Every structure is written in C-alpha cells, then in structure tokens.
C-alpha cells in the first residue's frame, strides 16, 4: 500500500480531499516559507485557500460532466485540475473552465458579509480577521479577473468559448422541453382513450371531459 506522501516528479502528494488526490509543487513550499518568514501569513493563507477552492471548482464540474478527476496539483502561484477529458465535448471543457472562478465568486458574498460584521479587533493566530478577510476579498477578485483573460494557459482561453455555443445550446434545450411536453400530452391523451374504451367495453356510461 502506498503511503500518504509520495513524489511525482516535482510534486509531492500530501493527501486526498474525498477521492481527489492533492499534490503540491516544491516551489509552492518555498513560496509558503518565504511569505511566512517575511511576515505575510495572511497573504499565504488567502492565496493557498483560493487556489484550492478554484481547482475544486474545476473538479466539481469535471464530475458533473461524468468525467474523472486524476488529481489537483498546487504550485507557487496557481494550480491545475488534471482530468481524463478524452470523452468530453467542447461544451464540457468550457463549462469546466468556468468552474474555478464560479467557486471563487460564490465565496465573495459571505466573505464580504463576514468582514463587515466581525468586531474590528477580532483576531485569529495573531491576525486581525477583518484585515485578513479584506486582503482575501481583494486577492479573490484579482485572481478571478486574471483567470478570465482569454490567453492560454489561463482559464479564459477555454471559458469564453462557451459564449458562441450558448445560442445553439439554448435552442436545443427549448426543443427538448417542447418535445417532452408534447410526449407527455400524447401519453395523457392515449391513457384517456384507453380508459374511455375500457369503460365502454364494460358497458359503463362515459362522461367525456375536455
């Protein structure tokens, strides 16, 4: 049985979140030591948490597309969600690309609310929570904007491909909805006729209802 910690090239496996393997690049460890050593633990906590949340957002939509996540790799200033995408469609890949920033955006409202409601002197590990959350919110917004720039290898290079696909996707969804409704109406009409004919066969008086 393999241990929890194992090297994969420049990455060290540090554990799992559920069934998702988490790997950390040696450069990320150096960044961590540097930020903490120079008195910026809040920046490190904010960056590390956002990168992990971002990659978990990708992983969530990978699974929604019925694809398999290989692992999440975290490096100095970002990360990567590796998945088996051979069977994925262009739509799947574009939605997955949006997953990271959507998960980040979902945390903005509670973070802003917490920063507003917390007592000014509330602290955690020697850090003022209000200041920590303010840094975290600004860092979150900056990473969202950065990731949506339509240049590889950023998510925006794939994410914005979703836009021209939306009209056809919406038309297909409307057609499918119309087809389901028509099928349901035909099935209901068929059941009504069958019940009508059975009642007649038994010699019962039938009252038609529109």
C-alpha atoms as a PDB file:
ATOM      1  CA  UNK A   1       0.000   0.000   0.000  1.00  0.00           C
ATOM      2  CA  UNK A   2       1.406   3.401  -0.938  1.00  0.00           C
ATOM      3  CA  UNK A   3       1.986   5.985   1.775  1.00  0.00           C
ATOM      4  CA  UNK A   4       0.205   9.295   2.011  1.00  0.00           C
ATOM      5  CA  UNK A   5       3.301  11.230   0.944  1.00  0.00           C
ATOM      6  CA  UNK A   6       4.850  10.391  -2.405  1.00  0.00           C
ATOM      7  CA  UNK A   7       6.809  12.351  -5.002  1.00  0.00           C
ATOM      8  CA  UNK A   8       5.556  12.646  -8.588  1.00  0.00           C
ATOM      9  CA  UNK A   9       8.315  14.488 -10.432  1.00  0.00           C
ATOM     10  CA  UNK A  10       8.402  17.957  -8.840  1.00  0.00           C
ATOM     11  CA  UNK A  11       5.138  17.387  -6.947  1.00  0.00           C
ATOM     12  CA  UNK A  12       4.591  15.843  -3.516  1.00  0.00           C
ATOM     13  CA  UNK A  13       1.308  14.091  -2.824  1.00  0.00           C
ATOM     14  CA  UNK A  14       0.123  15.454   0.531  1.00  0.00           C
ATOM     15  CA  UNK A  15      -3.239  13.704   0.827  1.00  0.00           C
ATOM     16  CA  UNK A  16      -6.760  13.496  -0.529  1.00  0.00           C
ATOM     17  CA  UNK A  17      -9.963  15.525  -0.390  1.00  0.00           C
ATOM     18  CA  UNK A  18     -12.541  12.788  -0.683  1.00  0.00           C
ATOM     19  CA  UNK A  19     -11.276  10.735  -3.600  1.00  0.00           C
ATOM     20  CA  UNK A  20      -9.306  13.609  -5.159  1.00  0.00           C
ATOM     21  CA  UNK A  21      -5.543  13.380  -4.791  1.00  0.00           C
ATOM     22  CA  UNK A  22      -3.802  16.639  -3.808  1.00  0.00           C
ATOM     23  CA  UNK A  23      -0.237  17.290  -4.971  1.00  0.00           C
ATOM     24  CA  UNK A  24       1.959  20.287  -4.076  1.00  0.00           C
ATOM     25  CA  UNK A  25       4.905  21.542  -6.139  1.00  0.00           C
ATOM     26  CA  UNK A  26       8.165  22.128  -4.296  1.00  0.00           C
ATOM     27  CA  UNK A  27       8.044  25.778  -5.432  1.00  0.00           C
ATOM     28  CA  UNK A  28       4.782  26.231  -3.506  1.00  0.00           C
ATOM     29  CA  UNK A  29       6.579  25.103  -0.371  1.00  0.00           C
ATOM     30  CA  UNK A  30       9.272  27.736  -0.965  1.00  0.00           C
ATOM     31  CA  UNK A  31       6.624  30.424  -1.511  1.00  0.00           C
ATOM     32  CA  UNK A  32       4.957  29.355   1.741  1.00  0.00           C
ATOM     33  CA  UNK A  33       8.200  29.560   3.716  1.00  0.00           C
ATOM     34  CA  UNK A  34       9.047  32.920   2.141  1.00  0.00           C
ATOM     35  CA  UNK A  35       5.681  34.560   2.834  1.00  0.00           C
ATOM     36  CA  UNK A  36       5.542  33.304   6.421  1.00  0.00           C
ATOM     37  CA  UNK A  37       9.190  34.193   7.092  1.00  0.00           C
ATOM     38  CA  UNK A  38       8.714  37.759   5.834  1.00  0.00           C
ATOM     39  CA  UNK A  39       5.631  38.315   7.950  1.00  0.00           C
ATOM     40  CA  UNK A  40       2.850  37.777   5.413  1.00  0.00           C
ATOM     41  CA  UNK A  41       0.996  34.679   6.696  1.00  0.00           C
ATOM     42  CA  UNK A  42      -2.349  36.267   5.827  1.00  0.00           C
ATOM     43  CA  UNK A  43      -1.357  36.583   2.183  1.00  0.00           C
ATOM     44  CA  UNK A  44      -0.215  32.961   2.147  1.00  0.00           C
ATOM     45  CA  UNK A  45      -3.447  31.728   3.759  1.00  0.00           C
ATOM     46  CA  UNK A  46      -5.532  33.732   1.302  1.00  0.00           C
ATOM     47  CA  UNK A  47      -3.627  32.596  -1.771  1.00  0.00           C
ATOM     48  CA  UNK A  48      -3.471  28.925  -0.742  1.00  0.00           C
ATOM     49  CA  UNK A  49      -7.185  28.757   0.089  1.00  0.00           C
ATOM     50  CA  UNK A  50      -8.219  30.485  -3.147  1.00  0.00           C
ATOM     51  CA  UNK A  51      -6.079  28.273  -5.360  1.00  0.00           C
ATOM     52  CA  UNK A  52      -7.510  25.162  -3.699  1.00  0.00           C
ATOM     53  CA  UNK A  53     -11.110  26.430  -3.958  1.00  0.00           C
ATOM     54  CA  UNK A  54     -10.519  27.339  -7.609  1.00  0.00           C
ATOM     55  CA  UNK A  55      -9.251  23.871  -8.501  1.00  0.00           C
ATOM     56  CA  UNK A  56     -12.055  22.184  -6.547  1.00  0.00           C
ATOM     57  CA  UNK A  57     -14.472  24.212  -8.676  1.00  0.00           C
ATOM     58  CA  UNK A  58     -12.949  22.690 -11.786  1.00  0.00           C
ATOM     59  CA  UNK A  59     -13.122  19.224 -10.209  1.00  0.00           C
ATOM     60  CA  UNK A  60     -16.814  19.677  -9.352  1.00  0.00           C
ATOM     61  CA  UNK A  61     -17.743  20.418 -12.958  1.00  0.00           C
ATOM     62  CA  UNK A  62     -15.498  17.628 -14.230  1.00  0.00           C
ATOM     63  CA  UNK A  63     -17.630  15.208 -12.252  1.00  0.00           C
ATOM     64  CA  UNK A  64     -20.841  16.907 -13.346  1.00  0.00           C
ATOM     65  CA  UNK A  65     -19.746  16.136 -16.907  1.00  0.00           C
ATOM     66  CA  UNK A  66     -19.324  12.447 -15.913  1.00  0.00           C
ATOM     67  CA  UNK A  67     -15.562  12.675 -16.413  1.00  0.00           C
ATOM     68  CA  UNK A  68     -12.891  11.507 -13.964  1.00  0.00           C
ATOM     69  CA  UNK A  69     -10.513  13.705 -11.955  1.00  0.00           C
ATOM     70  CA  UNK A  70      -6.915  12.481 -11.910  1.00  0.00           C
ATOM     71  CA  UNK A  71      -5.545  14.883  -9.283  1.00  0.00           C
ATOM     72  CA  UNK A  72      -5.239  18.507  -8.206  1.00  0.00           C
ATOM     73  CA  UNK A  73      -1.735  19.982  -8.349  1.00  0.00           C
ATOM     74  CA  UNK A  74      -0.851  23.194  -6.494  1.00  0.00           C
ATOM     75  CA  UNK A  75       2.238  25.205  -7.398  1.00  0.00           C
ATOM     76  CA  UNK A  76       3.709  28.565  -6.457  1.00  0.00           C
ATOM     77  CA  UNK A  77       1.005  30.948  -7.670  1.00  0.00           C
ATOM     78  CA  UNK A  78      -1.700  28.692  -9.034  1.00  0.00           C
ATOM     79  CA  UNK A  79      -2.751  25.133  -9.631  1.00  0.00           C
ATOM     80  CA  UNK A  80      -4.084  22.589 -12.059  1.00  0.00           C
ATOM     81  CA  UNK A  81      -7.011  20.180 -12.019  1.00  0.00           C
ATOM     82  CA  UNK A  82      -5.932  17.219 -14.140  1.00  0.00           C
ATOM     83  CA  UNK A  83      -8.759  15.114 -15.521  1.00  0.00           C
ATOM     84  CA  UNK A  84      -9.401  12.490 -18.162  1.00  0.00           C
ATOM     85  CA  UNK A  85     -11.153  14.530 -20.834  1.00  0.00           C
ATOM     86  CA  UNK A  86     -10.918  12.411 -23.973  1.00  0.00           C
ATOM     87  CA  UNK A  87     -14.671  11.808 -23.912  1.00  0.00           C
ATOM     88  CA  UNK A  88     -15.537  15.408 -23.069  1.00  0.00           C
ATOM     89  CA  UNK A  89     -17.195  17.747 -25.556  1.00  0.00           C
ATOM     90  CA  UNK A  90     -16.110  21.348 -26.247  1.00  0.00           C
ATOM     91  CA  UNK A  91     -19.116  22.390 -24.138  1.00  0.00           C
ATOM     92  CA  UNK A  92     -17.898  20.223 -21.227  1.00  0.00           C
ATOM     93  CA  UNK A  93     -14.403  21.705 -21.351  1.00  0.00           C
ATOM     94  CA  UNK A  94     -15.726  25.282 -21.490  1.00  0.00           C
ATOM     95  CA  UNK A  95     -18.046  24.721 -18.508  1.00  0.00           C
ATOM     96  CA  UNK A  96     -15.216  23.090 -16.550  1.00  0.00           C
ATOM     97  CA  UNK A  97     -13.030  26.125 -17.296  1.00  0.00           C
ATOM     98  CA  UNK A  98     -15.682  28.368 -15.679  1.00  0.00           C
ATOM     99  CA  UNK A  99     -15.845  26.162 -12.574  1.00  0.00           C
ATOM    100  CA  UNK A 100     -12.854  27.686 -10.807  1.00  0.00           C
ATOM    101  CA  UNK A 101     -13.958  31.327 -10.945  1.00  0.00           C
ATOM    102  CA  UNK A 102     -17.575  30.377 -10.174  1.00  0.00           C
ATOM    103  CA  UNK A 103     -16.483  28.691  -6.939  1.00  0.00           C
ATOM    104  CA  UNK A 104     -14.353  31.725  -6.084  1.00  0.00           C
ATOM    105  CA  UNK A 105     -17.239  34.107  -6.802  1.00  0.00           C
ATOM    106  CA  UNK A 106     -19.588  32.034  -4.629  1.00  0.00           C
ATOM    107  CA  UNK A 107     -17.356  32.815  -1.629  1.00  0.00           C
ATOM    108  CA  UNK A 108     -17.267  36.575  -2.154  1.00  0.00           C
ATOM    109  CA  UNK A 109     -20.651  37.448  -0.601  1.00  0.00           C
ATOM    110  CA  UNK A 110     -20.155  35.518   2.679  1.00  0.00           C
ATOM    111  CA  UNK A 111     -16.574  36.834   2.916  1.00  0.00           C
ATOM    112  CA  UNK A 112     -17.682  40.461   2.454  1.00  0.00           C
ATOM    113  CA  UNK A 113     -20.508  39.944   4.966  1.00  0.00           C
ATOM    114  CA  UNK A 114     -18.100  38.426   7.489  1.00  0.00           C
ATOM    115  CA  UNK A 115     -15.615  41.285   7.049  1.00  0.00           C
ATOM    116  CA  UNK A 116     -18.444  43.766   7.684  1.00  0.00           C
ATOM    117  CA  UNK A 117     -19.953  42.014  10.704  1.00  0.00           C
ATOM    118  CA  UNK A 118     -16.835  40.889  12.568  1.00  0.00           C
ATOM    119  CA  UNK A 119     -15.676  43.011  15.525  1.00  0.00           C
ATOM    120  CA  UNK A 120     -12.789  45.245  14.478  1.00  0.00           C
ATOM    121  CA  UNK A 121     -10.332  43.713  16.960  1.00  0.00           C
ATOM    122  CA  UNK A 122     -11.271  40.070  16.395  1.00  0.00           C
ATOM    123  CA  UNK A 123      -8.110  38.052  15.757  1.00  0.00           C
ATOM    124  CA  UNK A 124      -7.041  34.558  14.772  1.00  0.00           C
ATOM    125  CA  UNK A 125      -3.487  33.224  15.045  1.00  0.00           C
ATOM    126  CA  UNK A 126      -2.388  36.767  15.854  1.00  0.00           C
ATOM    127  CA  UNK A 127      -4.005  38.186  12.711  1.00  0.00           C
ATOM    128  CA  UNK A 128      -6.855  40.668  12.564  1.00  0.00           C
ATOM    129  CA  UNK A 129      -9.685  38.808  10.864  1.00  0.00           C
ATOM    130  CA  UNK A 130     -11.126  41.977   9.357  1.00  0.00           C
ATOM    131  CA  UNK A 131      -7.817  42.774   7.641  1.00  0.00           C
ATOM    132  CA  UNK A 132      -7.304  39.151   6.648  1.00  0.00           C
ATOM    133  CA  UNK A 133     -10.736  38.973   5.005  1.00  0.00           C
ATOM    134  CA  UNK A 134     -10.226  42.314   3.249  1.00  0.00           C
ATOM    135  CA  UNK A 135      -6.970  41.046   1.742  1.00  0.00           C
ATOM    136  CA  UNK A 136      -8.669  37.770   0.832  1.00  0.00           C
ATOM    137  CA  UNK A 137     -11.545  39.537  -0.972  1.00  0.00           C
ATOM    138  CA  UNK A 138      -9.180  41.747  -2.999  1.00  0.00           C
ATOM    139  CA  UNK A 139      -6.964  38.788  -3.841  1.00  0.00           C
ATOM    140  CA  UNK A 140     -10.022  36.760  -4.840  1.00  0.00           C
ATOM    141  CA  UNK A 141     -11.250  39.468  -7.220  1.00  0.00           C
ATOM    142  CA  UNK A 142      -7.787  39.876  -8.727  1.00  0.00           C
ATOM    143  CA  UNK A 143      -7.481  36.135  -9.383  1.00  0.00           C
ATOM    144  CA  UNK A 144     -10.959  35.979 -10.945  1.00  0.00           C
ATOM    145  CA  UNK A 145     -10.104  38.783 -13.366  1.00  0.00           C
ATOM    146  CA  UNK A 146      -6.687  37.289 -14.122  1.00  0.00           C
ATOM    147  CA  UNK A 147      -8.080  33.815 -14.812  1.00  0.00           C
ATOM    148  CA  UNK A 148     -10.686  35.145 -17.240  1.00  0.00           C
ATOM    149  CA  UNK A 149      -8.133  36.789 -19.529  1.00  0.00           C
ATOM    150  CA  UNK A 150      -8.563  34.886 -22.832  1.00  0.00           C
ATOM    151  CA  UNK A 151      -4.922  33.844 -23.128  1.00  0.00           C
ATOM    152  CA  UNK A 152      -3.547  30.316 -22.689  1.00  0.00           C
ATOM    153  CA  UNK A 153      -2.830  28.751 -20.247  1.00  0.00           C
ATOM    154  CA  UNK A 154      -5.381  30.818 -18.288  1.00  0.00           C
ATOM    155  CA  UNK A 155      -8.950  29.532 -17.967  1.00  0.00           C
ATOM    156  CA  UNK A 156     -10.271  32.374 -20.104  1.00  0.00           C
ATOM    157  CA  UNK A 157      -8.723  30.809 -23.207  1.00  0.00           C
ATOM    158  CA  UNK A 158     -11.269  27.984 -22.919  1.00  0.00           C
ATOM    159  CA  UNK A 159     -14.021  29.542 -20.803  1.00  0.00           C
ATOM    160  CA  UNK A 160     -15.055  32.215 -23.315  1.00  0.00           C
ATOM    161  CA  UNK A 161     -15.643  29.569 -25.984  1.00  0.00           C
ATOM    162  CA  UNK A 162     -18.870  28.902 -24.095  1.00  0.00           C
ATOM    163  CA  UNK A 163     -20.412  32.178 -25.312  1.00  0.00           C
ATOM    164  CA  UNK A 164     -20.819  31.318 -29.036  1.00  0.00           C
ATOM    165  CA  UNK A 165     -22.094  27.868 -28.054  1.00  0.00           C
ATOM    166  CA  UNK A 166     -24.876  29.218 -25.825  1.00  0.00           C
ATOM    167  CA  UNK A 167     -27.496  30.098 -28.506  1.00  0.00           C
ATOM    168  CA  UNK A 168     -27.417  26.620 -30.057  1.00  0.00           C
ATOM    169  CA  UNK A 169     -27.443  25.050 -26.600  1.00  0.00           C
ATOM    170  CA  UNK A 170     -30.472  27.100 -25.541  1.00  0.00           C
ATOM    171  CA  UNK A 171     -32.324  26.253 -28.767  1.00  0.00           C
ATOM    172  CA  UNK A 172     -31.633  22.557 -28.203  1.00  0.00           C
ATOM    173  CA  UNK A 173     -32.873  22.845 -24.613  1.00  0.00           C
ATOM    174  CA  UNK A 174     -36.091  24.554 -25.764  1.00  0.00           C
ATOM    175  CA  UNK A 175     -36.656  21.875 -28.412  1.00  0.00           C
ATOM    176  CA  UNK A 176     -36.102  19.140 -25.845  1.00  0.00           C
ATOM    177  CA  UNK A 177     -38.505  20.826 -23.424  1.00  0.00           C
ATOM    178  CA  UNK A 178     -41.156  21.190 -26.147  1.00  0.00           C
ATOM    179  CA  UNK A 179     -40.685  17.559 -27.165  1.00  0.00           C
ATOM    180  CA  UNK A 180     -41.072  16.360 -23.558  1.00  0.00           C
ATOM    181  CA  UNK A 181     -44.246  18.402 -23.149  1.00  0.00           C
ATOM    182  CA  UNK A 182     -45.714  17.061 -26.395  1.00  0.00           C
ATOM    183  CA  UNK A 183     -44.775  13.494 -25.444  1.00  0.00           C
ATOM    184  CA  UNK A 184     -46.433  13.962 -22.061  1.00  0.00           C
ATOM    185  CA  UNK A 185     -49.596  15.346 -23.661  1.00  0.00           C
ATOM    186  CA  UNK A 186     -49.736  12.464 -26.154  1.00  0.00           C
ATOM    187  CA  UNK A 187     -49.246   9.939 -23.356  1.00  0.00           C
ATOM    188  CA  UNK A 188     -52.038  11.544 -21.313  1.00  0.00           C
ATOM    189  CA  UNK A 189     -54.337  11.536 -24.352  1.00  0.00           C
ATOM    190  CA  UNK A 190     -53.543   7.874 -25.017  1.00  0.00           C
ATOM    191  CA  UNK A 191     -54.295   6.927 -21.403  1.00  0.00           C
ATOM    192  CA  UNK A 192     -57.580   8.802 -21.586  1.00  0.00           C
ATOM    193  CA  UNK A 193     -58.623   6.999 -24.783  1.00  0.00           C
ATOM    194  CA  UNK A 194     -57.673   3.614 -23.323  1.00  0.00           C
ATOM    195  CA  UNK A 195     -59.696   4.301 -20.186  1.00  0.00           C
ATOM    196  CA  UNK A 196     -62.614   5.521 -22.324  1.00  0.00           C
ATOM    197  CA  UNK A 197     -62.579   2.363 -24.469  1.00  0.00           C
ATOM    198  CA  UNK A 198     -62.322   0.064 -21.444  1.00  0.00           C
ATOM    199  CA  UNK A 199     -65.253   1.776 -19.807  1.00  0.00           C
ATOM    200  CA  UNK A 200     -67.329   1.407 -22.981  1.00  0.00           C
ATOM    201  CA  UNK A 201     -66.378  -2.260 -23.211  1.00  0.00           C
ATOM    202  CA  UNK A 202     -67.759  -2.806 -19.700  1.00  0.00           C
ATOM    203  CA  UNK A 203     -70.985  -1.069 -20.672  1.00  0.00           C
ATOM    204  CA  UNK A 204     -70.419   1.900 -18.391  1.00  0.00           C
ATOM    205  CA  UNK A 205     -71.719   5.363 -19.104  1.00  0.00           C
ATOM    206  CA  UNK A 206     -68.785   7.605 -20.028  1.00  0.00           C
ATOM    207  CA  UNK A 207     -68.737  11.341 -19.479  1.00  0.00           C
ATOM    208  CA  UNK A 208     -66.092  12.969 -21.689  1.00  0.00           C
ATOM    209  CA  UNK A 209     -64.065  15.726 -20.116  1.00  0.00           C
ATOM    210  CA  UNK A 210     -62.049  18.176 -22.185  1.00  0.00           C
END
